[in-house]
Amino acid sequence: GIAPIRRMLNAGVPVGLGVDGSASNDAA
């Protein structure tokens, strides 16, 4: 699915990026 990042940011939730490991991303 698609995480509600704009709603999180607008609310003040700290957000960073991850790749969830090589098996879920393939490139990191």
PDB file of all heavy atoms in Angstrom:
ATOM      1  N   GLY A   1       0.819  -1.196   0.000  1.00  0.00           N
ATOM      2  CA  GLY A   1       0.000   0.000   0.000  1.00  0.00           C
ATOM      3  C   GLY A   1       0.856   1.250   0.000  1.00  0.00           C
ATOM      4  O   GLY A   1       2.068   1.190  -0.178  1.00  0.00           O
ATOM      5  N   ILE A   2       0.215   2.389   0.222  1.00  0.00           N
ATOM      6  CA  ILE A   2       0.894   3.688   0.178  1.00  0.00           C
ATOM      7  C   ILE A   2       0.780   4.336   1.555  1.00  0.00           C
ATOM      8  O   ILE A   2      -0.314   4.631   2.027  1.00  0.00           O
ATOM      9  CB  ILE A   2       0.284   4.589  -0.905  1.00  0.00           C
ATOM     10  CG1 ILE A   2       0.359   3.921  -2.276  1.00  0.00           C
ATOM     11  CG2 ILE A   2       0.989   5.941  -0.931  1.00  0.00           C
ATOM     12  CD1 ILE A   2      -0.367   4.677  -3.380  1.00  0.00           C
ATOM     13  N   ALA A   3       1.897   4.552   2.203  1.00  0.00           N
ATOM     14  CA  ALA A   3       1.893   5.143   3.536  1.00  0.00           C
ATOM     15  C   ALA A   3       1.432   6.600   3.475  1.00  0.00           C
ATOM     16  O   ALA A   3       1.799   7.329   2.554  1.00  0.00           O
ATOM     17  CB  ALA A   3       3.292   5.060   4.146  1.00  0.00           C
ATOM     18  N   PRO A   4       0.662   7.044   4.457  1.00  0.00           N
ATOM     19  CA  PRO A   4       0.134   8.430   4.462  1.00  0.00           C
ATOM     20  C   PRO A   4       1.184   9.424   4.965  1.00  0.00           C
ATOM     21  O   PRO A   4       1.029  10.064   6.009  1.00  0.00           O
ATOM     22  CB  PRO A   4      -1.060   8.336   5.422  1.00  0.00           C
ATOM     23  CG  PRO A   4      -0.665   7.257   6.393  1.00  0.00           C
ATOM     24  CD  PRO A   4       0.117   6.245   5.578  1.00  0.00           C
ATOM     25  N   ILE A   5       2.236   9.590   4.200  1.00  0.00           N
ATOM     26  CA  ILE A   5       3.383  10.373   4.657  1.00  0.00           C
ATOM     27  C   ILE A   5       3.057  11.850   4.832  1.00  0.00           C
ATOM     28  O   ILE A   5       3.474  12.484   5.812  1.00  0.00           O
ATOM     29  CB  ILE A   5       4.574  10.182   3.693  1.00  0.00           C
ATOM     30  CG1 ILE A   5       5.015   8.714   3.687  1.00  0.00           C
ATOM     31  CG2 ILE A   5       5.736  11.086   4.097  1.00  0.00           C
ATOM     32  CD1 ILE A   5       5.416   8.177   5.058  1.00  0.00           C
ATOM     33  N   ARG A   6       2.316  12.437   3.890  1.00  0.00           N
ATOM     34  CA  ARG A   6       1.977  13.856   4.039  1.00  0.00           C
ATOM     35  C   ARG A   6       1.177  14.091   5.313  1.00  0.00           C
ATOM     36  O   ARG A   6       1.409  15.073   6.034  1.00  0.00           O
ATOM     37  CB  ARG A   6       1.206  14.334   2.801  1.00  0.00           C
ATOM     38  CG  ARG A   6       0.640  15.748   2.888  1.00  0.00           C
ATOM     39  CD  ARG A   6       1.656  16.772   3.361  1.00  0.00           C
ATOM     40  NE  ARG A   6       2.832  16.843   2.517  1.00  0.00           N
ATOM     41  CZ  ARG A   6       3.938  17.478   2.847  1.00  0.00           C
ATOM     42  NH1 ARG A   6       4.044  18.069   4.024  1.00  0.00           N
ATOM     43  NH2 ARG A   6       4.967  17.500   2.029  1.00  0.00           N
ATOM     44  N   ARG A   7       0.233  13.225   5.631  1.00  0.00           N
ATOM     45  CA  ARG A   7      -0.541  13.378   6.864  1.00  0.00           C
ATOM     46  C   ARG A   7       0.372  13.241   8.080  1.00  0.00           C
ATOM     47  O   ARG A   7       0.210  13.965   9.071  1.00  0.00           O
ATOM     48  CB  ARG A   7      -1.669  12.353   6.906  1.00  0.00           C
ATOM     49  CG  ARG A   7      -2.850  12.743   6.008  1.00  0.00           C
ATOM     50  CD  ARG A   7      -3.721  11.575   5.638  1.00  0.00           C
ATOM     51  NE  ARG A   7      -4.130  10.772   6.784  1.00  0.00           N
ATOM     52  CZ  ARG A   7      -4.493   9.496   6.690  1.00  0.00           C
ATOM     53  NH1 ARG A   7      -4.466   8.876   5.514  1.00  0.00           N
ATOM     54  NH2 ARG A   7      -4.866   8.846   7.761  1.00  0.00           N
ATOM     55  N   MET A   8       1.326  12.329   8.021  1.00  0.00           N
ATOM     56  CA  MET A   8       2.272  12.185   9.134  1.00  0.00           C
ATOM     57  C   MET A   8       3.092  13.460   9.307  1.00  0.00           C
ATOM     58  O   MET A   8       3.240  13.970  10.427  1.00  0.00           O
ATOM     59  CB  MET A   8       3.206  10.999   8.883  1.00  0.00           C
ATOM     60  CG  MET A   8       2.555   9.647   8.908  1.00  0.00           C
ATOM     61  SD  MET A   8       3.815   8.347   8.700  1.00  0.00           S
ATOM     62  CE  MET A   8       2.781   6.936   8.264  1.00  0.00           C
ATOM     63  N   LEU A   9       3.649  13.958   8.212  1.00  0.00           N
ATOM     64  CA  LEU A   9       4.480  15.154   8.289  1.00  0.00           C
ATOM     65  C   LEU A   9       3.685  16.353   8.792  1.00  0.00           C
ATOM     66  O   LEU A   9       4.159  17.135   9.628  1.00  0.00           O
ATOM     67  CB  LEU A   9       5.090  15.451   6.920  1.00  0.00           C
ATOM     68  CG  LEU A   9       6.107  14.441   6.397  1.00  0.00           C
ATOM     69  CD1 LEU A   9       6.477  14.773   4.951  1.00  0.00           C
ATOM     70  CD2 LEU A   9       7.354  14.391   7.268  1.00  0.00           C
ATOM     71  N   ASN A  10       2.471  16.510   8.291  1.00  0.00           N
ATOM     72  CA  ASN A  10       1.642  17.633   8.717  1.00  0.00           C
ATOM     73  C   ASN A  10       1.311  17.555  10.205  1.00  0.00           C
ATOM     74  O   ASN A  10       1.167  18.578  10.876  1.00  0.00           O
ATOM     75  CB  ASN A  10       0.354  17.676   7.906  1.00  0.00           C
ATOM     76  CG  ASN A  10       0.582  18.112   6.467  1.00  0.00           C
ATOM     77  OD1 ASN A  10       1.662  18.572   6.108  1.00  0.00           O
ATOM     78  ND2 ASN A  10      -0.429  17.961   5.628  1.00  0.00           N
ATOM     79  N   ALA A  11       1.193  16.331  10.717  1.00  0.00           N
ATOM     80  CA  ALA A  11       0.876  16.143  12.133  1.00  0.00           C
ATOM     81  C   ALA A  11       2.093  16.316  13.030  1.00  0.00           C
ATOM     82  O   ALA A  11       1.951  16.469  14.247  1.00  0.00           O
ATOM     83  CB  ALA A  11       0.269  14.754  12.345  1.00  0.00           C
ATOM     84  N   GLY A  12       3.293  16.254  12.432  1.00  0.00           N
ATOM     85  CA  GLY A  12       4.513  16.396  13.220  1.00  0.00           C
ATOM     86  C   GLY A  12       5.207  15.094  13.552  1.00  0.00           C
ATOM     87  O   GLY A  12       6.037  15.043  14.465  1.00  0.00           O
ATOM     88  N   VAL A  13       4.889  14.026  12.822  1.00  0.00           N
ATOM     89  CA  VAL A  13       5.562  12.745  13.032  1.00  0.00           C
ATOM     90  C   VAL A  13       6.950  12.809  12.397  1.00  0.00           C
ATOM     91  O   VAL A  13       7.078  13.181  11.227  1.00  0.00           O
ATOM     92  CB  VAL A  13       4.758  11.589  12.402  1.00  0.00           C
ATOM     93  CG1 VAL A  13       5.502  10.261  12.562  1.00  0.00           C
ATOM     94  CG2 VAL A  13       3.375  11.495  13.038  1.00  0.00           C
ATOM     95  N   PRO A  14       8.016  12.430  13.118  1.00  0.00           N
ATOM     96  CA  PRO A  14       9.341  12.346  12.490  1.00  0.00           C
ATOM     97  C   PRO A  14       9.356  11.222  11.452  1.00  0.00           C
ATOM     98  O   PRO A  14       8.951  10.091  11.756  1.00  0.00           O
ATOM     99  CB  PRO A  14      10.272  12.021  13.664  1.00  0.00           C
ATOM    100  CG  PRO A  14       9.511  12.411  14.893  1.00  0.00           C
ATOM    101  CD  PRO A  14       8.075  12.176  14.572  1.00  0.00           C
ATOM    102  N   VAL A  15       9.801  11.514  10.231  1.00  0.00           N
ATOM    103  CA  VAL A  15       9.821  10.527   9.151  1.00  0.00           C
ATOM    104  C   VAL A  15      11.187  10.520   8.485  1.00  0.00           C
ATOM    105  O   VAL A  15      11.712  11.579   8.117  1.00  0.00           O
ATOM    106  CB  VAL A  15       8.733  10.817   8.083  1.00  0.00           C
ATOM    107  CG1 VAL A  15       8.796   9.786   6.955  1.00  0.00           C
ATOM    108  CG2 VAL A  15       7.346  10.827   8.719  1.00  0.00           C
ATOM    109  N   GLY A  16      11.763   9.327   8.335  1.00  0.00           N
ATOM    110  CA  GLY A  16      12.986   9.125   7.564  1.00  0.00           C
ATOM    111  C   GLY A  16      12.757   8.061   6.517  1.00  0.00           C
ATOM    112  O   GLY A  16      11.635   7.557   6.363  1.00  0.00           O
ATOM    113  N   LEU A  17      13.808   7.710   5.796  1.00  0.00           N
ATOM    114  CA  LEU A  17      13.697   6.722   4.723  1.00  0.00           C
ATOM    115  C   LEU A  17      14.408   5.425   5.081  1.00  0.00           C
ATOM    116  O   LEU A  17      15.455   5.441   5.735  1.00  0.00           O
ATOM    117  CB  LEU A  17      14.313   7.252   3.428  1.00  0.00           C
ATOM    118  CG  LEU A  17      13.535   8.282   2.641  1.00  0.00           C
ATOM    119  CD1 LEU A  17      14.317   8.664   1.395  1.00  0.00           C
ATOM    120  CD2 LEU A  17      12.154   7.767   2.263  1.00  0.00           C
ATOM    121  N   GLY A  18      13.854   4.300   4.618  1.00  0.00           N
ATOM    122  CA  GLY A  18      14.510   2.999   4.725  1.00  0.00           C
ATOM    123  C   GLY A  18      14.317   2.227   3.444  1.00  0.00           C
ATOM    124  O   GLY A  18      13.507   2.615   2.582  1.00  0.00           O
ATOM    125  N   VAL A  19      15.057   1.135   3.297  1.00  0.00           N
ATOM    126  CA  VAL A  19      14.899   0.297   2.107  1.00  0.00           C
ATOM    127  C   VAL A  19      14.347  -1.082   2.428  1.00  0.00           C
ATOM    128  O   VAL A  19      14.062  -1.865   1.531  1.00  0.00           O
ATOM    129  CB  VAL A  19      16.225   0.148   1.321  1.00  0.00           C
ATOM    130  CG1 VAL A  19      16.700   1.504   0.831  1.00  0.00           C
ATOM    131  CG2 VAL A  19      17.285  -0.533   2.156  1.00  0.00           C
ATOM    132  N   ASP A  20      14.189  -1.405   3.714  1.00  0.00           N
ATOM    133  CA  ASP A  20      13.607  -2.682   4.133  1.00  0.00           C
ATOM    134  C   ASP A  20      14.433  -3.870   3.673  1.00  0.00           C
ATOM    135  O   ASP A  20      13.901  -4.953   3.451  1.00  0.00           O
ATOM    136  CB  ASP A  20      12.162  -2.816   3.645  1.00  0.00           C
ATOM    137  CG  ASP A  20      11.409  -3.905   4.422  1.00  0.00           C
ATOM    138  OD1 ASP A  20      11.695  -4.076   5.613  1.00  0.00           O
ATOM    139  OD2 ASP A  20      10.554  -4.588   3.822  1.00  0.00           O
ATOM    140  N   GLY A  21      15.714  -3.702   3.502  1.00  0.00           N
ATOM    141  CA  GLY A  21      16.579  -4.840   3.199  1.00  0.00           C
ATOM    142  C   GLY A  21      16.641  -5.174   1.721  1.00  0.00           C
ATOM    143  O   GLY A  21      15.766  -4.825   0.929  1.00  0.00           O
ATOM    144  N   SER A  22      17.692  -5.889   1.357  1.00  0.00           N
ATOM    145  CA  SER A  22      17.920  -6.218  -0.050  1.00  0.00           C
ATOM    146  C   SER A  22      16.801  -7.052  -0.648  1.00  0.00           C
ATOM    147  O   SER A  22      16.450  -6.894  -1.819  1.00  0.00           O
ATOM    148  CB  SER A  22      19.257  -6.955  -0.187  1.00  0.00           C
ATOM    149  OG  SER A  22      20.319  -6.131   0.211  1.00  0.00           O
ATOM    150  N   ALA A  23      16.228  -7.959   0.138  1.00  0.00           N
ATOM    151  CA  ALA A  23      15.212  -8.866  -0.406  1.00  0.00           C
ATOM    152  C   ALA A  23      13.916  -8.149  -0.731  1.00  0.00           C
ATOM    153  O   ALA A  23      13.105  -8.640  -1.518  1.00  0.00           O
ATOM    154  CB  ALA A  23      14.944 -10.000   0.588  1.00  0.00           C
ATOM    155  N   SER A  24      13.675  -6.988  -0.144  1.00  0.00           N
ATOM    156  CA  SER A  24      12.448  -6.242  -0.391  1.00  0.00           C
ATOM    157  C   SER A  24      12.667  -5.024  -1.274  1.00  0.00           C
ATOM    158  O   SER A  24      11.714  -4.327  -1.607  1.00  0.00           O
ATOM    159  CB  SER A  24      11.839  -5.785   0.937  1.00  0.00           C
ATOM    160  OG  SER A  24      11.534  -6.886   1.751  1.00  0.00           O
ATOM    161  N   ASN A  25      13.916  -4.754  -1.629  1.00  0.00           N
ATOM    162  CA  ASN A  25      14.227  -3.530  -2.365  1.00  0.00           C
ATOM    163  C   ASN A  25      15.091  -3.786  -3.593  1.00  0.00           C
ATOM    164  O   ASN A  25      14.949  -3.125  -4.616  1.00  0.00           O
ATOM    165  CB  ASN A  25      14.931  -2.547  -1.427  1.00  0.00           C
ATOM    166  CG  ASN A  25      15.386  -1.291  -2.115  1.00  0.00           C
ATOM    167  OD1 ASN A  25      16.493  -1.239  -2.639  1.00  0.00           O
ATOM    168  ND2 ASN A  25      14.528  -0.285  -2.133  1.00  0.00           N
ATOM    169  N   ASP A  26      16.029  -4.726  -3.481  1.00  0.00           N
ATOM    170  CA  ASP A  26      16.901  -5.167  -4.573  1.00  0.00           C
ATOM    171  C   ASP A  26      18.051  -4.225  -4.911  1.00  0.00           C
ATOM    172  O   ASP A  26      18.952  -4.611  -5.636  1.00  0.00           O
ATOM    173  CB  ASP A  26      16.099  -5.443  -5.856  1.00  0.00           C
ATOM    174  CG  ASP A  26      15.144  -6.616  -5.702  1.00  0.00           C
ATOM    175  OD1 ASP A  26      15.555  -7.619  -5.103  1.00  0.00           O
ATOM    176  OD2 ASP A  26      14.005  -6.521  -6.153  1.00  0.00           O
ATOM    177  N   ALA A  27      18.027  -2.999  -4.379  1.00  0.00           N
ATOM    178  CA  ALA A  27      19.092  -2.074  -4.733  1.00  0.00           C
ATOM    179  C   ALA A  27      19.695  -1.356  -3.528  1.00  0.00           C
ATOM    180  O   ALA A  27      20.855  -0.996  -3.554  1.00  0.00           O
ATOM    181  CB  ALA A  27      18.578  -1.035  -5.736  1.00  0.00           C
ATOM    182  N   ALA A  28      18.899  -1.131  -2.470  1.00  0.00           N
ATOM    183  CA  ALA A  28      19.352  -0.377  -1.302  1.00  0.00           C
ATOM    184  C   ALA A  28      19.898   0.991  -1.717  1.00  0.00           C
ATOM    185  O   ALA A  28      20.868   1.476  -1.168  1.00  0.00           O
ATOM    186  CB  ALA A  28      20.391  -1.172  -0.508  1.00  0.00           C
TER     187      ALA A  28
END
